[in-house]
Amino acid sequence: MGAADGLPGGLSSNGSVIMTDGSVFYPGAWSNGGVLTVNPYAVSA
């Protein structure tokens, strides 16, 4: 999961939605029912 669609490990794509299996921690992000949710205030541009 993840590597086949060019995303980092633990992530997959469901159309335009990035899904997470929860196996990898990404700072500033969390799983919202499997959807990878990002806090825009925790991500630097």
Protein backbone atom coordinates (compact mmCIF):
# COMPACT_ATOMS: atom_id res chain seq x y z
CA MET A 1 0.00 0.00 0.00
CA GLY A 2 1.34 3.47 -0.77
CA ALA A 3 4.40 2.65 -2.86
CA ALA A 4 2.37 1.36 -5.83
CA ASP A 5 0.59 4.71 -6.27
CA GLY A 6 3.66 6.86 -5.59
CA LEU A 7 2.66 7.85 -2.04
CA PRO A 8 4.79 7.34 1.07
CA GLY A 9 4.32 4.12 3.06
CA GLY A 10 1.03 3.80 4.93
CA LEU A 11 -0.82 6.10 2.50
CA SER A 12 -3.06 5.30 -0.45
CA SER A 13 -5.27 7.25 -2.81
CA ASN A 14 -9.04 6.87 -3.05
CA GLY A 15 -9.69 9.16 -6.01
CA SER A 16 -8.70 12.63 -4.79
CA VAL A 17 -8.72 11.62 -1.10
CA ILE A 18 -5.51 10.49 0.61
CA MET A 19 -6.16 7.55 2.95
CA THR A 20 -3.95 6.34 5.80
CA ASP A 21 -3.73 2.91 7.38
CA GLY A 22 -2.35 4.46 10.58
CA SER A 23 0.94 2.55 10.39
CA VAL A 24 3.10 5.67 9.89
CA PHE A 25 3.01 8.87 11.96
CA TYR A 26 3.09 12.09 9.96
CA PRO A 27 3.67 15.23 12.10
CA GLY A 28 0.71 17.62 11.96
CA ALA A 29 -1.60 14.95 10.53
CA TRP A 30 -4.01 12.36 11.90
CA SER A 31 -6.46 9.75 10.70
CA ASN A 32 -10.07 10.89 10.52
CA GLY A 33 -11.88 7.63 9.84
CA GLY A 34 -9.03 6.54 7.56
CA VAL A 35 -8.79 9.90 5.77
CA LEU A 36 -5.45 11.64 6.27
CA THR A 37 -6.29 14.99 7.86
CA VAL A 38 -3.71 17.78 8.11
CA ASN A 39 -3.65 20.73 10.49
CA PRO A 40 -2.85 23.64 8.14
CA TYR A 41 -1.27 25.55 11.03
CA ALA A 42 1.26 22.76 11.67
CA VAL A 43 2.55 22.57 8.08
CA SER A 44 5.16 25.01 6.84
CA ALA A 45 4.98 26.24 3.28
